[in-house]
Amino acid sequence: MFSTIRLLPWTYIPSTPVLSDFLYQSNYSYVLNRNKEGSIDPSLPANPDDLAKRPGWKETTHPEAGKKGHRAFENEETGENLEYDEGKPGHTGHKAHDHYHRPNPNSSGRHDKYLDGSGNPVRDQSDPSHIYHPNNVWWK
């Protein structure tokens, strides 16, 4: 009539959010951010306005994208492109912090759309595709 319920063993992995982590509002943002780590490139300026002042670089931002905090830059000498996203108040993770993206000129799809801070191909929307100047690192 009654069947025995067999409980499966489990292990709590600290980096995995559990319901109890979200019980307190002050802990909510920490839980959502704790696994996020971008990559670092000290050659990029902390302020994107300084990038446009460097030799060979020009800003190619579309006016509508600029209103939303997205900026684009191109190096006329090397052909390198950079994208810059301003952090948005009230958001979590990378959306909350100013960061760059470096499009991969040899991309063949989403799996290698960007380059990380060291120049290695990485997936679109992956943590390493978000590149920070060392002064803008927020996860350490």
N, C-alpha and C. Protein backbone atom coordinates (compact mmCIF):
# COMPACT_ATOMS: atom_id res chain seq x y z
N MET A 1 0.81 -1.18 0.00
CA MET A 1 0.00 0.00 0.00
C MET A 1 0.86 1.25 0.00
N PHE A 2 1.78 1.34 0.91
CA PHE A 2 2.70 2.47 0.94
C PHE A 2 4.03 2.04 0.34
N SER A 3 4.57 2.92 -0.49
CA SER A 3 5.88 2.61 -1.04
C SER A 3 6.93 3.43 -0.31
N THR A 4 8.08 2.90 -0.26
CA THR A 4 9.18 3.59 0.40
C THR A 4 9.77 4.61 -0.56
N ILE A 5 9.96 5.81 -0.04
CA ILE A 5 10.58 6.86 -0.84
C ILE A 5 12.08 6.80 -0.60
N ARG A 6 12.79 6.65 -1.67
CA ARG A 6 14.25 6.57 -1.58
C ARG A 6 14.83 7.96 -1.86
N LEU A 7 15.52 8.52 -0.92
CA LEU A 7 16.15 9.82 -1.09
C LEU A 7 17.49 9.65 -1.77
N LEU A 8 17.71 10.46 -2.77
CA LEU A 8 18.98 10.42 -3.47
C LEU A 8 20.00 11.28 -2.75
N PRO A 9 21.22 10.82 -2.66
CA PRO A 9 22.25 11.66 -2.03
C PRO A 9 22.53 12.88 -2.91
N TRP A 10 22.87 13.98 -2.28
CA TRP A 10 23.18 15.20 -3.03
C TRP A 10 24.32 15.92 -2.37
N THR A 11 24.91 16.78 -3.11
CA THR A 11 26.03 17.56 -2.61
C THR A 11 25.75 19.02 -2.87
N TYR A 12 25.93 19.84 -1.88
CA TYR A 12 25.77 21.27 -2.07
C TYR A 12 27.04 21.84 -2.66
N ILE A 13 26.94 22.46 -3.81
CA ILE A 13 28.07 23.10 -4.45
C ILE A 13 27.93 24.59 -4.19
N PRO A 14 28.85 25.20 -3.46
CA PRO A 14 28.71 26.60 -3.05
C PRO A 14 28.46 27.57 -4.18
N SER A 15 28.95 27.30 -5.39
CA SER A 15 28.76 28.25 -6.47
C SER A 15 27.39 28.12 -7.13
N THR A 16 26.60 27.13 -6.72
CA THR A 16 25.27 26.94 -7.30
C THR A 16 24.23 27.57 -6.38
N PRO A 17 23.46 28.54 -6.87
CA PRO A 17 22.44 29.15 -6.02
C PRO A 17 21.36 28.15 -5.63
N VAL A 18 20.94 28.22 -4.39
CA VAL A 18 19.81 27.43 -3.91
C VAL A 18 18.77 28.40 -3.39
N LEU A 19 17.56 27.93 -3.22
CA LEU A 19 16.46 28.80 -2.83
C LEU A 19 16.77 29.61 -1.58
N SER A 20 17.41 28.99 -0.59
CA SER A 20 17.70 29.70 0.65
C SER A 20 18.63 30.89 0.43
N ASP A 21 19.44 30.86 -0.63
CA ASP A 21 20.33 31.99 -0.93
C ASP A 21 19.56 33.25 -1.28
N PHE A 22 18.33 33.07 -1.77
CA PHE A 22 17.55 34.20 -2.25
C PHE A 22 16.57 34.75 -1.21
N LEU A 23 16.58 34.20 0.00
CA LEU A 23 15.59 34.61 1.01
C LEU A 23 15.78 36.03 1.51
N TYR A 24 16.97 36.53 1.42
CA TYR A 24 17.23 37.88 1.90
C TYR A 24 17.61 38.77 0.73
N GLN A 25 16.92 39.89 0.59
CA GLN A 25 17.14 40.80 -0.54
C GLN A 25 18.59 41.24 -0.66
N SER A 26 19.24 41.45 0.47
CA SER A 26 20.63 41.93 0.44
C SER A 26 21.56 40.88 -0.18
N ASN A 27 21.19 39.63 -0.12
CA ASN A 27 22.00 38.54 -0.65
C ASN A 27 21.70 38.27 -2.12
N TYR A 28 20.57 38.76 -2.61
CA TYR A 28 20.09 38.43 -3.96
C TYR A 28 21.10 38.82 -5.04
N SER A 29 21.58 40.06 -5.01
CA SER A 29 22.51 40.53 -6.03
C SER A 29 23.83 39.76 -5.97
N TYR A 30 24.29 39.46 -4.77
CA TYR A 30 25.53 38.70 -4.62
C TYR A 30 25.40 37.33 -5.27
N VAL A 31 24.29 36.65 -5.05
CA VAL A 31 24.09 35.31 -5.59
C VAL A 31 24.10 35.34 -7.12
N LEU A 32 23.46 36.34 -7.70
CA LEU A 32 23.40 36.42 -9.15
C LEU A 32 24.76 36.79 -9.76
N ASN A 33 25.60 37.46 -9.02
CA ASN A 33 26.88 37.92 -9.55
C ASN A 33 28.06 37.01 -9.23
N ARG A 34 27.95 36.13 -8.27
CA ARG A 34 29.13 35.46 -7.75
C ARG A 34 29.84 34.55 -8.76
N ASN A 35 29.15 34.08 -9.78
CA ASN A 35 29.81 33.23 -10.76
C ASN A 35 30.31 34.00 -11.97
N LYS A 36 30.05 35.29 -12.04
CA LYS A 36 30.41 36.08 -13.21
C LYS A 36 31.85 36.58 -13.11
N GLU A 37 32.64 36.24 -14.11
CA GLU A 37 34.00 36.76 -14.21
C GLU A 37 34.29 37.01 -15.68
N GLY A 38 34.69 38.21 -15.98
CA GLY A 38 35.06 38.52 -17.35
C GLY A 38 36.54 38.27 -17.56
N SER A 39 37.07 38.78 -18.65
CA SER A 39 38.50 38.70 -18.87
C SER A 39 39.09 40.10 -18.79
N ILE A 40 40.39 40.18 -18.69
CA ILE A 40 41.06 41.47 -18.45
C ILE A 40 42.03 41.75 -19.59
N ASP A 41 42.04 43.00 -20.04
CA ASP A 41 43.01 43.45 -21.04
C ASP A 41 43.52 44.82 -20.61
N PRO A 42 44.72 44.88 -20.04
CA PRO A 42 45.26 46.16 -19.57
C PRO A 42 45.58 47.14 -20.70
N SER A 43 45.58 46.68 -21.95
CA SER A 43 45.86 47.60 -23.06
C SER A 43 44.64 48.48 -23.40
N LEU A 44 43.47 48.10 -22.92
CA LEU A 44 42.27 48.90 -23.18
C LEU A 44 42.14 49.99 -22.13
N PRO A 45 41.71 51.18 -22.53
CA PRO A 45 41.55 52.25 -21.55
C PRO A 45 40.31 52.04 -20.69
N ALA A 46 40.38 52.49 -19.45
CA ALA A 46 39.21 52.40 -18.57
C ALA A 46 38.07 53.26 -19.12
N ASN A 47 38.41 54.39 -19.72
CA ASN A 47 37.42 55.30 -20.29
C ASN A 47 37.45 55.16 -21.82
N PRO A 48 36.33 54.79 -22.45
CA PRO A 48 36.35 54.61 -23.91
C PRO A 48 36.64 55.89 -24.70
N ASP A 49 36.42 57.05 -24.10
CA ASP A 49 36.76 58.30 -24.79
C ASP A 49 38.25 58.38 -25.08
N ASP A 50 39.05 57.75 -24.21
CA ASP A 50 40.50 57.75 -24.41
C ASP A 50 40.91 56.86 -25.59
N LEU A 51 40.08 55.86 -25.91
CA LEU A 51 40.39 54.98 -27.05
C LEU A 51 40.33 55.78 -28.35
N ALA A 52 39.32 56.63 -28.48
CA ALA A 52 39.16 57.43 -29.70
C ALA A 52 40.31 58.44 -29.89
N LYS A 53 41.02 58.74 -28.82
CA LYS A 53 42.14 59.68 -28.89
C LYS A 53 43.45 59.00 -29.32
N ARG A 54 43.46 57.68 -29.32
CA ARG A 54 44.68 56.94 -29.70
C ARG A 54 44.84 56.97 -31.22
N PRO A 55 46.09 56.95 -31.69
CA PRO A 55 46.34 56.97 -33.13
C PRO A 55 45.68 55.78 -33.84
N GLY A 56 45.00 56.08 -34.94
CA GLY A 56 44.38 55.04 -35.76
C GLY A 56 42.96 54.68 -35.37
N TRP A 57 42.54 55.03 -34.16
CA TRP A 57 41.21 54.65 -33.69
C TRP A 57 40.19 55.75 -34.00
N LYS A 58 39.00 55.32 -34.40
CA LYS A 58 37.90 56.27 -34.58
C LYS A 58 36.63 55.62 -34.05
N GLU A 59 35.72 56.46 -33.59
CA GLU A 59 34.44 55.95 -33.09
C GLU A 59 33.49 55.80 -34.26
N THR A 60 32.82 54.63 -34.32
CA THR A 60 31.88 54.33 -35.40
C THR A 60 30.49 54.02 -34.86
N THR A 61 30.18 54.57 -33.69
CA THR A 61 28.91 54.29 -33.01
C THR A 61 27.72 54.80 -33.81
N HIS A 62 26.71 53.96 -33.95
CA HIS A 62 25.44 54.39 -34.55
C HIS A 62 24.73 55.26 -33.51
N PRO A 63 24.12 56.38 -33.93
CA PRO A 63 23.48 57.29 -32.96
C PRO A 63 22.44 56.61 -32.07
N GLU A 64 21.65 55.70 -32.61
CA GLU A 64 20.62 55.03 -31.79
C GLU A 64 21.27 54.09 -30.77
N ALA A 65 22.32 53.40 -31.17
CA ALA A 65 23.02 52.51 -30.25
C ALA A 65 23.70 53.32 -29.15
N GLY A 66 24.26 54.47 -29.53
CA GLY A 66 24.92 55.33 -28.55
C GLY A 66 23.98 55.80 -27.45
N LYS A 67 22.72 56.05 -27.80
CA LYS A 67 21.72 56.47 -26.81
C LYS A 67 21.45 55.38 -25.79
N LYS A 68 21.70 54.13 -26.17
CA LYS A 68 21.45 52.98 -25.29
C LYS A 68 22.71 52.53 -24.56
N GLY A 69 23.81 53.26 -24.74
CA GLY A 69 25.04 52.93 -24.03
C GLY A 69 25.96 51.97 -24.76
N HIS A 70 25.71 51.74 -26.05
CA HIS A 70 26.57 50.86 -26.84
C HIS A 70 27.41 51.71 -27.78
N ARG A 71 28.70 51.52 -27.72
CA ARG A 71 29.61 52.28 -28.58
C ARG A 71 30.48 51.33 -29.39
N ALA A 72 30.91 51.78 -30.56
CA ALA A 72 31.74 50.96 -31.44
C ALA A 72 32.96 51.78 -31.86
N PHE A 73 34.09 51.08 -31.99
CA PHE A 73 35.35 51.71 -32.37
C PHE A 73 36.05 50.85 -33.42
N GLU A 74 36.77 51.50 -34.30
CA GLU A 74 37.53 50.78 -35.32
C GLU A 74 38.91 51.38 -35.45
N ASN A 75 39.90 50.51 -35.57
CA ASN A 75 41.26 50.96 -35.82
C ASN A 75 41.48 50.92 -37.33
N GLU A 76 41.64 52.10 -37.93
CA GLU A 76 41.77 52.19 -39.38
C GLU A 76 43.06 51.58 -39.90
N GLU A 77 44.07 51.48 -39.05
CA GLU A 77 45.36 50.93 -39.45
C GLU A 77 45.38 49.40 -39.41
N THR A 78 44.78 48.83 -38.37
CA THR A 78 44.83 47.37 -38.19
C THR A 78 43.54 46.67 -38.57
N GLY A 79 42.43 47.42 -38.64
CA GLY A 79 41.13 46.82 -38.93
C GLY A 79 40.45 46.24 -37.71
N GLU A 80 41.09 46.35 -36.54
CA GLU A 80 40.51 45.82 -35.31
C GLU A 80 39.25 46.61 -34.93
N ASN A 81 38.24 45.89 -34.43
CA ASN A 81 37.01 46.51 -33.95
C ASN A 81 36.84 46.22 -32.47
N LEU A 82 36.28 47.19 -31.77
CA LEU A 82 35.93 47.02 -30.35
C LEU A 82 34.53 47.55 -30.13
N GLU A 83 33.81 46.88 -29.25
CA GLU A 83 32.49 47.33 -28.83
C GLU A 83 32.56 47.64 -27.34
N TYR A 84 31.86 48.67 -26.92
CA TYR A 84 31.86 49.08 -25.51
C TYR A 84 30.42 49.17 -25.03
N ASP A 85 30.14 48.56 -23.89
CA ASP A 85 28.81 48.62 -23.29
C ASP A 85 28.90 49.31 -21.93
N GLU A 86 28.11 50.35 -21.75
CA GLU A 86 28.05 51.02 -20.45
C GLU A 86 27.22 50.18 -19.48
N GLY A 87 27.64 50.15 -18.22
CA GLY A 87 26.88 49.45 -17.20
C GLY A 87 25.54 50.14 -16.96
N LYS A 88 24.54 49.34 -16.61
CA LYS A 88 23.20 49.86 -16.38
C LYS A 88 22.82 49.70 -14.92
N PRO A 89 22.48 50.80 -14.25
CA PRO A 89 22.06 50.72 -12.85
C PRO A 89 20.86 49.79 -12.69
N GLY A 90 20.87 49.03 -11.63
CA GLY A 90 19.76 48.14 -11.35
C GLY A 90 19.88 46.76 -11.98
N HIS A 91 20.87 46.57 -12.84
CA HIS A 91 21.10 45.27 -13.45
C HIS A 91 22.15 44.50 -12.66
N THR A 92 22.30 43.23 -12.98
CA THR A 92 23.30 42.40 -12.31
C THR A 92 24.30 41.87 -13.34
N GLY A 93 25.36 41.27 -12.86
CA GLY A 93 26.35 40.66 -13.74
C GLY A 93 27.03 41.67 -14.62
N HIS A 94 27.37 41.24 -15.83
CA HIS A 94 28.11 42.10 -16.75
C HIS A 94 27.28 43.31 -17.20
N LYS A 95 25.97 43.17 -17.24
CA LYS A 95 25.13 44.30 -17.67
C LYS A 95 25.23 45.49 -16.72
N ALA A 96 25.64 45.24 -15.50
CA ALA A 96 25.73 46.30 -14.50
C ALA A 96 27.06 47.05 -14.55
N HIS A 97 28.00 46.56 -15.35
CA HIS A 97 29.36 47.12 -15.34
C HIS A 97 29.84 47.47 -16.75
N ASP A 98 30.59 48.56 -16.85
CA ASP A 98 31.18 48.97 -18.13
C ASP A 98 32.17 47.91 -18.59
N HIS A 99 32.08 47.53 -19.87
CA HIS A 99 32.99 46.52 -20.41
C HIS A 99 33.09 46.62 -21.93
N TYR A 100 34.09 45.96 -22.47
CA TYR A 100 34.33 45.90 -23.91
C TYR A 100 34.01 44.51 -24.44
N HIS A 101 33.82 44.43 -25.76
CA HIS A 101 33.79 43.17 -26.50
C HIS A 101 34.73 43.36 -27.69
N ARG A 102 35.47 42.30 -28.01
CA ARG A 102 36.35 42.35 -29.18
C ARG A 102 35.84 41.31 -30.18
N PRO A 103 35.14 41.74 -31.25
CA PRO A 103 34.65 40.79 -32.25
C PRO A 103 35.81 40.03 -32.90
N ASN A 104 35.58 38.75 -33.12
CA ASN A 104 36.58 37.89 -33.75
C ASN A 104 36.49 38.07 -35.27
N PRO A 105 37.54 38.60 -35.91
CA PRO A 105 37.48 38.81 -37.36
C PRO A 105 37.40 37.51 -38.15
N ASN A 106 37.76 36.39 -37.53
CA ASN A 106 37.73 35.08 -38.20
C ASN A 106 36.58 34.20 -37.70
N SER A 107 35.56 34.80 -37.14
CA SER A 107 34.44 34.04 -36.57
C SER A 107 33.70 33.25 -37.65
N SER A 108 33.29 32.04 -37.26
CA SER A 108 32.48 31.23 -38.17
C SER A 108 31.12 30.92 -37.57
N GLY A 109 30.80 31.55 -36.42
CA GLY A 109 29.50 31.32 -35.78
C GLY A 109 29.51 31.82 -34.35
N ARG A 110 28.45 31.52 -33.60
CA ARG A 110 28.33 31.98 -32.22
C ARG A 110 29.39 31.39 -31.30
N HIS A 111 29.90 30.21 -31.65
CA HIS A 111 30.86 29.54 -30.77
C HIS A 111 32.21 30.25 -30.71
N ASP A 112 32.49 31.14 -31.68
CA ASP A 112 33.75 31.87 -31.66
C ASP A 112 33.56 33.33 -32.10
N LYS A 113 32.42 33.90 -31.72
CA LYS A 113 32.05 35.25 -32.17
C LYS A 113 32.99 36.34 -31.65
N TYR A 114 33.53 36.16 -30.44
CA TYR A 114 34.37 37.18 -29.82
C TYR A 114 35.74 36.63 -29.46
N LEU A 115 36.63 37.53 -29.11
CA LEU A 115 37.93 37.17 -28.55
C LEU A 115 37.95 37.60 -27.10
N ASP A 116 38.60 36.83 -26.23
CA ASP A 116 38.71 37.22 -24.83
C ASP A 116 39.84 38.24 -24.66
N GLY A 117 40.15 38.60 -23.43
CA GLY A 117 41.18 39.59 -23.17
C GLY A 117 42.57 39.19 -23.63
N SER A 118 42.79 37.90 -23.84
CA SER A 118 44.09 37.40 -24.32
C SER A 118 44.10 37.13 -25.82
N GLY A 119 42.98 37.37 -26.49
CA GLY A 119 42.91 37.15 -27.93
C GLY A 119 42.45 35.77 -28.36
N ASN A 120 41.94 34.97 -27.42
CA ASN A 120 41.46 33.63 -27.74
C ASN A 120 39.99 33.66 -28.13
N PRO A 121 39.57 32.88 -29.14
CA PRO A 121 38.16 32.85 -29.53
C PRO A 121 37.29 32.31 -28.39
N VAL A 122 36.14 32.99 -28.16
CA VAL A 122 35.19 32.56 -27.14
C VAL A 122 33.77 32.71 -27.67
N ARG A 123 32.86 32.02 -27.03
CA ARG A 123 31.45 32.00 -27.43
C ARG A 123 30.76 33.34 -27.15
N ASP A 124 29.80 33.65 -27.98
CA ASP A 124 28.94 34.81 -27.77
C ASP A 124 28.25 34.68 -26.41
N GLN A 125 28.19 35.73 -25.66
CA GLN A 125 27.55 35.83 -24.34
C GLN A 125 28.28 35.03 -23.26
N SER A 126 29.48 34.56 -23.53
CA SER A 126 30.26 33.87 -22.50
C SER A 126 30.89 34.92 -21.58
N ASP A 127 31.21 34.54 -20.36
CA ASP A 127 31.84 35.47 -19.43
C ASP A 127 33.14 36.05 -19.97
N PRO A 128 34.05 35.23 -20.56
CA PRO A 128 35.30 35.80 -21.06
C PRO A 128 35.14 36.78 -22.22
N SER A 129 33.98 36.78 -22.88
CA SER A 129 33.77 37.73 -23.98
C SER A 129 33.58 39.15 -23.46
N HIS A 130 33.37 39.30 -22.17
CA HIS A 130 33.23 40.60 -21.52
C HIS A 130 34.62 40.99 -21.00
N ILE A 131 35.21 42.01 -21.63
CA ILE A 131 36.60 42.38 -21.33
C ILE A 131 36.63 43.66 -20.52
N TYR A 132 37.41 43.64 -19.45
CA TYR A 132 37.51 44.77 -18.54
C TYR A 132 38.93 45.31 -18.46
N HIS A 133 39.04 46.60 -18.27
CA HIS A 133 40.32 47.21 -17.91
C HIS A 133 40.56 46.81 -16.45
N PRO A 134 41.82 46.60 -16.03
CA PRO A 134 42.07 46.18 -14.64
C PRO A 134 41.42 47.07 -13.58
N ASN A 135 41.27 48.37 -13.84
CA ASN A 135 40.63 49.26 -12.87
C ASN A 135 39.13 49.03 -12.75
N ASN A 136 38.54 48.36 -13.73
CA ASN A 136 37.09 48.14 -13.73
C ASN A 136 36.69 46.74 -13.29
N VAL A 137 37.66 45.94 -12.85
CA VAL A 137 37.35 44.59 -12.38
C VAL A 137 36.52 44.69 -11.11
N TRP A 138 35.40 43.99 -11.08
CA TRP A 138 34.48 44.10 -9.94
C TRP A 138 34.26 42.78 -9.23
N TRP A 139 34.74 41.66 -9.77
CA TRP A 139 34.44 40.37 -9.18
C TRP A 139 35.48 39.88 -8.20
N LYS A 140 36.58 40.59 -8.02
CA LYS A 140 37.62 40.12 -7.10
C LYS A 140 37.62 40.94 -5.84
